[in-house]
C-alpha atoms as a PDB file:
ATOM      1  CA  MET A   1     105.889 109.622 138.230  1.00  0.00           C
ATOM      2  CA  ASP A   2     109.112 111.604 137.850  1.00  0.00           C
ATOM      3  CA  THR A   3     111.863 109.652 139.607  1.00  0.00           C
ATOM      4  CA  THR A   4     114.795 111.838 138.541  1.00  0.00           C
ATOM      5  CA  ARG A   5     116.801 113.362 141.352  1.00  0.00           C
ATOM      6  CA  SER A   6     116.771 117.156 141.472  1.00  0.00           C
ATOM      7  CA  ALA A   7     120.123 118.807 142.151  1.00  0.00           C
ATOM      8  CA  THR A   8     118.743 121.265 144.715  1.00  0.00           C
ATOM      9  CA  ASP A   9     121.356 120.292 147.290  1.00  0.00           C
ATOM     10  CA  THR A  10     124.342 121.488 145.250  1.00  0.00           C
ATOM     11  CA  SER A  11     126.255 124.579 146.322  1.00  0.00           C
ATOM     12  CA  PHE A  12     126.673 126.920 143.389  1.00  0.00           C
ATOM     13  CA  GLN A  13     128.807 130.037 143.885  1.00  0.00           C
ATOM     14  CA  ALA A  14     128.481 133.541 142.517  1.00  0.00           C
ATOM     15  CA  ILE A  15     130.940 134.202 139.705  1.00  0.00           C
ATOM     16  CA  THR A  16     132.802 137.198 138.312  1.00  0.00           C
ATOM     17  CA  PRO A  17     131.382 138.964 135.233  1.00  0.00           C
ATOM     18  CA  HIS A  18     134.381 138.330 132.963  1.00  0.00           C
ATOM     19  CA  ARG A  19     133.655 135.279 130.754  1.00  0.00           C
ATOM     20  CA  ALA A  20     130.844 134.460 133.154  1.00  0.00           C
ATOM     21  CA  PHE A  21     129.337 131.653 131.093  1.00  0.00           C
ATOM     22  CA  GLU A  22     132.673 129.802 131.115  1.00  0.00           C
ATOM     23  CA  GLU A  23     132.855 129.975 134.906  1.00  0.00           C
ATOM     24  CA  ILE A  24     129.303 128.706 135.212  1.00  0.00           C
ATOM     25  CA  ALA A  25     130.049 125.825 132.866  1.00  0.00           C
ATOM     26  CA  GLY A  26     133.232 125.106 134.805  1.00  0.00           C
ATOM     27  CA  GLN A  27     131.394 124.849 138.124  1.00  0.00           C
ATOM     28  CA  ILE A  28     128.791 122.505 136.676  1.00  0.00           C
ATOM     29  CA  ARG A  29     131.485 120.337 135.057  1.00  0.00           C
ATOM     30  CA  ALA A  30     133.331 120.153 138.384  1.00  0.00           C
ATOM     31  CA  MET A  31     130.171 119.037 140.169  1.00  0.00           C
ATOM     32  CA  VAL A  32     129.711 116.250 137.640  1.00  0.00           C
ATOM     33  CA  ALA A  33     133.367 115.257 138.002  1.00  0.00           C
ATOM     34  CA  ASN A  34     133.187 115.017 141.804  1.00  0.00           C
ATOM     35  CA  GLY A  35     129.854 113.224 141.825  1.00  0.00           C
ATOM     36  CA  ARG A  36     127.731 116.019 143.276  1.00  0.00           C
ATOM     37  CA  LEU A  37     125.784 115.959 140.030  1.00  0.00           C
ATOM     38  CA  ARG A  38     125.048 112.578 138.466  1.00  0.00           C
ATOM     39  CA  PRO A  39     123.482 111.405 135.194  1.00  0.00           C
ATOM     40  CA  GLY A  40     119.748 112.009 135.335  1.00  0.00           C
ATOM     41  CA  ASP A  41     119.952 114.843 137.880  1.00  0.00           C
ATOM     42  CA  ARG A  42     117.940 117.944 137.123  1.00  0.00           C
ATOM     43  CA  LEU A  43     119.535 121.335 137.707  1.00  0.00           C
ATOM     44  CA  PRO A  44     117.557 124.007 139.572  1.00  0.00           C
ATOM     45  CA  PRO A  45     115.276 126.204 137.433  1.00  0.00           C
ATOM     46  CA  GLU A  46     116.893 128.963 135.368  1.00  0.00           C
ATOM     47  CA  ARG A  47     115.629 131.754 137.617  1.00  0.00           C
ATOM     48  CA  GLU A  48     117.084 130.079 140.703  1.00  0.00           C
ATOM     49  CA  LEU A  49     120.397 129.294 138.996  1.00  0.00           C
ATOM     50  CA  ALA A  50     120.733 132.863 137.749  1.00  0.00           C
ATOM     51  CA  THR A  51     120.245 134.114 141.299  1.00  0.00           C
ATOM     52  CA  LEU A  52     122.772 131.632 142.729  1.00  0.00           C
ATOM     53  CA  PHE A  53     125.392 132.579 140.146  1.00  0.00           C
ATOM     54  CA  GLN A  54     124.376 136.271 140.274  1.00  0.00           C
ATOM     55  CA  VAL A  55     124.194 136.571 136.508  1.00  0.00           C
ATOM     56  CA  SER A  56     121.513 137.427 133.980  1.00  0.00           C
ATOM     57  CA  ARG A  57     119.357 134.646 132.606  1.00  0.00           C
ATOM     58  CA  ASN A  58     120.856 135.256 129.143  1.00  0.00           C
ATOM     59  CA  THR A  59     124.339 134.597 130.511  1.00  0.00           C
ATOM     60  CA  LEU A  60     123.095 131.496 132.279  1.00  0.00           C
ATOM     61  CA  ARG A  61     121.435 130.216 129.124  1.00  0.00           C
ATOM     62  CA  GLU A  62     124.681 130.714 127.213  1.00  0.00           C
ATOM     63  CA  ALA A  63     126.475 128.500 129.741  1.00  0.00           C
ATOM     64  CA  LEU A  64     123.771 125.833 129.700  1.00  0.00           C
ATOM     65  CA  ARG A  65     123.712 125.871 125.923  1.00  0.00           C
ATOM     66  CA  SER A  66     127.483 125.372 125.765  1.00  0.00           C
ATOM     67  CA  LEU A  67     127.169 122.356 128.071  1.00  0.00           C
ATOM     68  CA  GLU A  68     124.328 121.000 125.970  1.00  0.00           C
ATOM     69  CA  ILE A  69     126.429 121.292 122.803  1.00  0.00           C
ATOM     70  CA  SER A  70     129.324 119.539 124.516  1.00  0.00           C
ATOM     71  CA  GLY A  71     127.015 116.653 125.462  1.00  0.00           C
ATOM     72  CA  LEU A  72     127.018 117.132 129.238  1.00  0.00           C
ATOM     73  CA  LEU A  73     123.462 118.437 129.607  1.00  0.00           C
ATOM     74  CA  ALA A  74     120.162 117.773 127.888  1.00  0.00           C
ATOM     75  CA  SER A  75     117.273 120.228 127.757  1.00  0.00           C
ATOM     76  CA  ARG A  76     113.711 118.962 128.154  1.00  0.00           C
ATOM     77  CA  LYS A  77     110.465 120.830 127.623  1.00  0.00           C
ATOM     78  CA  GLY A  78     107.292 120.789 129.672  1.00  0.00           C
ATOM     79  CA  ALA A  79     106.312 120.993 133.314  1.00  0.00           C
ATOM     80  CA  SER A  80     108.792 118.298 134.310  1.00  0.00           C
ATOM     81  CA  GLY A  81     111.461 119.634 131.997  1.00  0.00           C
ATOM     82  CA  GLY A  82     114.604 121.636 132.541  1.00  0.00           C
ATOM     83  CA  ALA A  83     118.340 121.026 132.240  1.00  0.00           C
ATOM     84  CA  PHE A  84     119.415 117.471 133.044  1.00  0.00           C
ATOM     85  CA  VAL A  85     122.804 115.822 133.323  1.00  0.00           C
ATOM     86  CA  ARG A  86     123.004 113.406 130.415  1.00  0.00           C
ATOM     87  CA  GLU A  87     123.803 109.740 130.421  1.00  0.00           C
ATOM     88  CA  GLY A  88     127.023 108.848 128.600  1.00  0.00           C
ATOM     89  CA  SER A  89     126.761 109.347 124.826  1.00  0.00           C
ATOM     90  CA  ALA A  90     129.068 108.927 121.846  1.00  0.00           C
ATOM     91  CA  GLU A  91     127.355 111.655 119.839  1.00  0.00           C
ATOM     92  CA  VAL A  92     129.803 114.436 120.681  1.00  0.00           C
ATOM     93  CA  ILE A  93     132.881 112.367 119.824  1.00  0.00           C
ATOM     94  CA  VAL A  94     131.316 111.066 116.634  1.00  0.00           C
ATOM     95  CA  GLY A  95     130.270 114.570 115.601  1.00  0.00           C
ATOM     96  CA  GLY A  96     133.669 116.009 116.478  1.00  0.00           C
ATOM     97  CA  MET A  97     135.538 113.495 114.334  1.00  0.00           C
ATOM     98  CA  ARG A  98     133.109 114.055 111.488  1.00  0.00           C
ATOM     99  CA  ASP A  99     133.702 117.803 111.677  1.00  0.00           C
ATOM    100  CA  LEU A 100     137.483 117.312 111.718  1.00  0.00           C
ATOM    101  CA  TYR A 101     137.205 115.280 108.537  1.00  0.00           C
ATOM    102  CA  HIS A 102     135.072 117.889 106.780  1.00  0.00           C
ATOM    103  CA  LEU A 103     137.530 120.593 107.862  1.00  0.00           C
ATOM    104  CA  GLY A 104     140.404 118.647 106.327  1.00  0.00           C
ATOM    105  CA  ALA A 105     142.125 117.914 109.642  1.00  0.00           C
ATOM    106  CA  ILE A 106     141.720 114.189 108.932  1.00  0.00           C
ATOM    107  CA  THR A 107     142.858 113.075 105.479  1.00  0.00           C
ATOM    108  CA  PRO A 108     141.565 110.003 103.616  1.00  0.00           C
ATOM    109  CA  GLU A 109     144.982 108.384 104.034  1.00  0.00           C
ATOM    110  CA  GLN A 110     144.898 108.914 107.798  1.00  0.00           C
ATOM    111  CA  LEU A 111     141.297 107.748 108.039  1.00  0.00           C
ATOM    112  CA  THR A 112     141.815 104.484 106.173  1.00  0.00           C
ATOM    113  CA  GLU A 113     145.132 103.833 107.925  1.00  0.00           C
ATOM    114  CA  ALA A 114     143.601 104.314 111.379  1.00  0.00           C
ATOM    115  CA  ARG A 115     140.735 102.037 110.410  1.00  0.00           C
ATOM    116  CA  ILE A 116     143.176  99.220 109.635  1.00  0.00           C
ATOM    117  CA  TRP A 117     145.094  99.605 112.898  1.00  0.00           C
ATOM    118  CA  LEU A 118     141.953  99.875 115.015  1.00  0.00           C
ATOM    119  CA  SER A 119     140.236  96.936 113.352  1.00  0.00           C
ATOM    120  CA  GLU A 120     143.236  94.633 113.773  1.00  0.00           C
ATOM    121  CA  LEU A 121     143.151  95.330 117.508  1.00  0.00           C
ATOM    122  CA  VAL A 122     139.389  94.996 117.725  1.00  0.00           C
ATOM    123  CA  VAL A 123     139.140  91.543 116.152  1.00  0.00           C
ATOM    124  CA  ARG A 124     141.819  90.225 118.503  1.00  0.00           C
ATOM    125  CA  VAL A 125     139.826  91.391 121.512  1.00  0.00           C
ATOM    126  CA  VAL A 126     136.566  90.141 120.013  1.00  0.00           C
ATOM    127  CA  CYS A 127     138.090  86.671 119.728  1.00  0.00           C
ATOM    128  CA  GLU A 128     138.482  86.723 123.502  1.00  0.00           C
ATOM    129  CA  ARG A 129     135.299  88.503 124.567  1.00  0.00           C
ATOM    130  CA  ALA A 130     132.558  87.961 121.988  1.00  0.00           C
ATOM    131  CA  THR A 131     129.449  86.195 123.231  1.00  0.00           C
ATOM    132  CA  GLU A 132     127.241  83.925 121.158  1.00  0.00           C
ATOM    133  CA  ASP A 133     124.805  86.826 120.885  1.00  0.00           C
ATOM    134  CA  ASP A 134     127.583  89.024 119.474  1.00  0.00           C
ATOM    135  CA  LEU A 135     128.482  86.402 116.883  1.00  0.00           C
ATOM    136  CA  ALA A 136     124.816  85.964 115.978  1.00  0.00           C
ATOM    137  CA  ALA A 137     124.430  89.716 115.480  1.00  0.00           C
ATOM    138  CA  LEU A 138     127.500  89.783 113.237  1.00  0.00           C
ATOM    139  CA  GLN A 139     126.185  86.834 111.214  1.00  0.00           C
ATOM    140  CA  ALA A 140     122.778  88.494 110.837  1.00  0.00           C
ATOM    141  CA  ASN A 141     124.494  91.651 109.597  1.00  0.00           C
ATOM    142  CA  VAL A 142     126.415  89.691 106.968  1.00  0.00           C
ATOM    143  CA  GLU A 143     123.260  87.957 105.750  1.00  0.00           C
ATOM    144  CA  ALA A 144     121.423  91.294 105.535  1.00  0.00           C
ATOM    145  CA  ALA A 145     124.331  92.774 103.556  1.00  0.00           C
ATOM    146  CA  ARG A 146     124.277  89.763 101.238  1.00  0.00           C
ATOM    147  CA  SER A 147     120.560  90.311 100.596  1.00  0.00           C
ATOM    148  CA  ALA A 148     121.124  94.020  99.917  1.00  0.00           C
ATOM    149  CA  ASP A 149     123.954  93.141  97.544  1.00  0.00           C
ATOM    150  CA  ARG A 150     121.774  90.720  95.578  1.00  0.00           C
ATOM    151  CA  ALA A 151     119.044  93.355  95.340  1.00  0.00           C
ATOM    152  CA  GLY A 152     121.515  95.968  94.098  1.00  0.00           C
ATOM    153  CA  HIS A 153     120.896  98.300  97.050  1.00  0.00           C
ATOM    154  CA  PHE A 154     124.291 100.000  97.275  1.00  0.00           C
ATOM    155  CA  GLU A 155     123.494 102.460 100.058  1.00  0.00           C
ATOM    156  CA  GLU A 156     121.966  99.809 102.302  1.00  0.00           C
ATOM    157  CA  ARG A 157     124.834  97.433 101.646  1.00  0.00           C
ATOM    158  CA  GLN A 158     127.356 100.124 102.558  1.00  0.00           C
ATOM    159  CA  ARG A 159     125.449 100.999 105.710  1.00  0.00           C
ATOM    160  CA  LEU A 160     125.430  97.369 106.785  1.00  0.00           C
ATOM    161  CA  HIS A 161     129.130  96.974 106.025  1.00  0.00           C
ATOM    162  CA  ARG A 162     129.888  99.942 108.290  1.00  0.00           C
ATOM    163  CA  GLU A 163     127.534  98.608 110.950  1.00  0.00           C
ATOM    164  CA  PHE A 164     129.508  95.337 110.954  1.00  0.00           C
ATOM    165  CA  HIS A 165     132.549  97.220 112.238  1.00  0.00           C
ATOM    166  CA  VAL A 166     130.451  99.048 114.841  1.00  0.00           C
ATOM    167  CA  LEU A 167     129.157  95.692 116.089  1.00  0.00           C
ATOM    168  CA  LEU A 168     132.726  94.436 116.330  1.00  0.00           C
ATOM    169  CA  GLY A 169     133.650  97.496 118.382  1.00  0.00           C
ATOM    170  CA  ARG A 170     130.787  96.921 120.804  1.00  0.00           C
ATOM    171  CA  ALA A 171     131.750  93.260 121.176  1.00  0.00           C
ATOM    172  CA  THR A 172     135.053  94.337 122.774  1.00  0.00           C
ATOM    173  CA  ARG A 173     133.051  95.449 125.842  1.00  0.00           C
ATOM    174  CA  ASN A 174     135.255  98.549 125.993  1.00  0.00           C
ATOM    175  CA  PRO A 175     133.314 101.805 125.533  1.00  0.00           C
ATOM    176  CA  ILE A 176     136.379 103.766 124.403  1.00  0.00           C
ATOM    177  CA  ILE A 177     137.091 101.313 121.606  1.00  0.00           C
ATOM    178  CA  ALA A 178     133.411 101.059 120.724  1.00  0.00           C
ATOM    179  CA  ILE A 179     133.004 104.839 120.484  1.00  0.00           C
ATOM    180  CA  THR A 180     136.208 105.235 118.488  1.00  0.00           C
ATOM    181  CA  MET A 181     135.039 102.605 116.022  1.00  0.00           C
ATOM    182  CA  GLU A 182     131.613 104.223 115.747  1.00  0.00           C
ATOM    183  CA  ALA A 183     133.196 107.604 115.025  1.00  0.00           C
ATOM    184  CA  THR A 184     135.613 106.119 112.503  1.00  0.00           C
ATOM    185  CA  MET A 185     132.828 104.383 110.613  1.00  0.00           C
ATOM    186  CA  GLU A 186     130.711 107.536 110.643  1.00  0.00           C
ATOM    187  CA  VAL A 187     133.535 109.374 108.893  1.00  0.00           C
ATOM    188  CA  MET A 188     134.103 106.444 106.531  1.00  0.00           C
ATOM    189  CA  GLY A 189     130.469 106.786 105.495  1.00  0.00           C
ATOM    190  CA  HIS A 190     131.029 110.396 104.484  1.00  0.00           C
ATOM    191  CA  PHE A 191     134.246 109.509 102.665  1.00  0.00           C
ATOM    192  CA  VAL A 192     132.558 106.711 100.674  1.00  0.00           C
ATOM    193  CA  ALA A 193     129.625 108.988  99.830  1.00  0.00           C
ATOM    194  CA  ARG A 194     132.073 111.569  98.512  1.00  0.00           C
ATOM    195  CA  ILE A 195     133.999 109.231  96.203  1.00  0.00           C
ATOM    196  CA  GLY A 196     130.893 107.394  94.985  1.00  0.00           C
ATOM    197  CA  PRO A 197     129.828 103.760  94.520  1.00  0.00           C
ATOM    198  CA  ARG A 198     132.445 101.043  94.210  1.00  0.00           C
ATOM    199  CA  GLU A 199     131.607  97.441  93.477  1.00  0.00           C
ATOM    200  CA  ASN A 200     133.688  94.579  94.833  1.00  0.00           C
ATOM    201  CA  ALA A 201     133.238  90.856  95.101  1.00  0.00           C
ATOM    202  CA  PHE A 202     135.520  90.246  98.057  1.00  0.00           C
ATOM    203  CA  THR A 203     133.846  91.896 101.065  1.00  0.00           C
ATOM    204  CA  LEU A 204     131.260  89.215 101.806  1.00  0.00           C
ATOM    205  CA  PRO A 205     133.659  86.269 101.334  1.00  0.00           C
ATOM    206  CA  SER A 206     136.064  88.033 103.704  1.00  0.00           C
ATOM    207  CA  ARG A 207     133.266  88.465 106.220  1.00  0.00           C
ATOM    208  CA  ASP A 208     132.525  84.740 106.054  1.00  0.00           C
ATOM    209  CA  ARG A 209     136.171  83.854 106.663  1.00  0.00           C
ATOM    210  CA  LEU A 210     136.436  86.376 109.508  1.00  0.00           C
ATOM    211  CA  LEU A 211     133.374  84.974 111.258  1.00  0.00           C
ATOM    212  CA  LYS A 212     134.854  81.488 111.014  1.00  0.00           C
ATOM    213  CA  HIS A 213     138.024  82.735 112.733  1.00  0.00           C
ATOM    214  CA  LEU A 214     136.018  84.578 115.389  1.00  0.00           C
ATOM    215  CA  ARG A 215     134.010  81.488 116.210  1.00  0.00           C
ATOM    216  CA  SER A 216     137.176  79.417 116.554  1.00  0.00           C
ATOM    217  CA  ARG A 217     138.752  82.201 118.655  1.00  0.00           C
ATOM    218  CA  ASP A 218     141.755  82.324 116.326  1.00  0.00           C
ATOM    219  CA  ALA A 219     143.002  85.880 116.968  1.00  0.00           C
ATOM    220  CA  ASP A 220     146.003  85.668 114.628  1.00  0.00           C
ATOM    221  CA  ALA A 221     143.926  84.441 111.699  1.00  0.00           C
ATOM    222  CA  ALA A 222     141.161  86.967 112.383  1.00  0.00           C
ATOM    223  CA  SER A 223     143.627  89.850 112.574  1.00  0.00           C
ATOM    224  CA  LYS A 224     145.373  88.733 109.390  1.00  0.00           C
ATOM    225  CA  GLU A 225     142.078  88.411 107.517  1.00  0.00           C
ATOM    226  CA  MET A 226     140.893  91.846 108.640  1.00  0.00           C
ATOM    227  CA  ALA A 227     144.190  93.556 107.795  1.00  0.00           C
ATOM    228  CA  ALA A 228     144.390  91.994 104.333  1.00  0.00           C
ATOM    229  CA  PHE A 229     140.790  92.948 103.587  1.00  0.00           C
ATOM    230  CA  LEU A 230     141.088  96.548 104.773  1.00  0.00           C
ATOM    231  CA  GLU A 231     144.447  97.115 103.066  1.00  0.00           C
ATOM    232  CA  ARG A 232     142.846  96.026  99.813  1.00  0.00           C
ATOM    233  CA  MET A 233     139.911  98.336 100.447  1.00  0.00           C
ATOM    234  CA  GLN A 234     142.285 101.175 101.291  1.00  0.00           C
ATOM    235  CA  ARG A 235     144.147 100.839  97.999  1.00  0.00           C
ATOM    236  CA  GLY A 236     140.891 100.881  96.065  1.00  0.00           C
ATOM    237  CA  TYR A 237     139.378 103.788  97.971  1.00  0.00           C
ATOM    238  CA  LEU A 238     142.456 105.989  97.695  1.00  0.00           C
ATOM    239  CA  ALA A 239     142.892 105.220  94.002  1.00  0.00           C
ATOM    240  CA  GLN A 240     139.264 106.176  93.409  1.00  0.00           C
ATOM    241  CA  TRP A 241     139.624 109.330  95.490  1.00  0.00           C
ATOM    242  CA  ARG A 242     142.801 110.430  93.661  1.00  0.00           C
ATOM    243  CA  ALA A 243     141.235 109.715  90.289  1.00  0.00           C
ATOM    244  CA  ALA A 244     138.417 112.065  91.188  1.00  0.00           C
ATOM    245  CA  ARG A 245     140.936 114.701  92.324  1.00  0.00           C
ATOM    246  CA  PRO A 246     143.785 114.837  89.783  1.00  0.00           C
ATOM    247  CA  ASP A 247     145.447 117.678  91.732  1.00  0.00           C
ATOM    248  CA  VAL A 248     146.111 115.360  94.721  1.00  0.00           C
END
């Protein structure tokens, strides 16, 4: 049974032809902002919307597509399909930061620097807010990374190391921090893939020390451990990146 609420009670207004798709998108955004459209709501069918806005269906589809790309709407197929207001998602922010990195708007120096600053803040908050389940998830991640390391699985080990930071971000219970950390680690993954494999023997011991500090709720020690670890990683990453690019 389809329990989603249909947005048939909203009052759309006809728009002017100039940049029509932007005006349509603007009206829909405003309705989400003021609560007249909520996550899970289904917009009226395309034919009805086109009539309400007094535009062609192509123009309407351009507006809906722009909202889908921005992460506000989701399109579903089938008899119960249509355009729906999406639940909150980090995908757009993560993708946007990734694109900025590939475009050169975020440099490796800026990326690794921001990672240090963000992580120092995160571990302090985690010391206050982490639950036993959070700490168990972090411990399980470390053990999985240790197994991948022993097996020589570099890609899996790197993925798990990045996931550790994402788990820390989520343990803050702050969605802005969690999303920012997720986006940062997504970009770090692309940066590491670009510069190639790098072995080190200090990540897992640092993880063990950090978890000890988190369990004892020692924010100063946890922050110090994280900063020292990431500053060491930063020096190694940037040296490797510059060696691969002698013009830098």
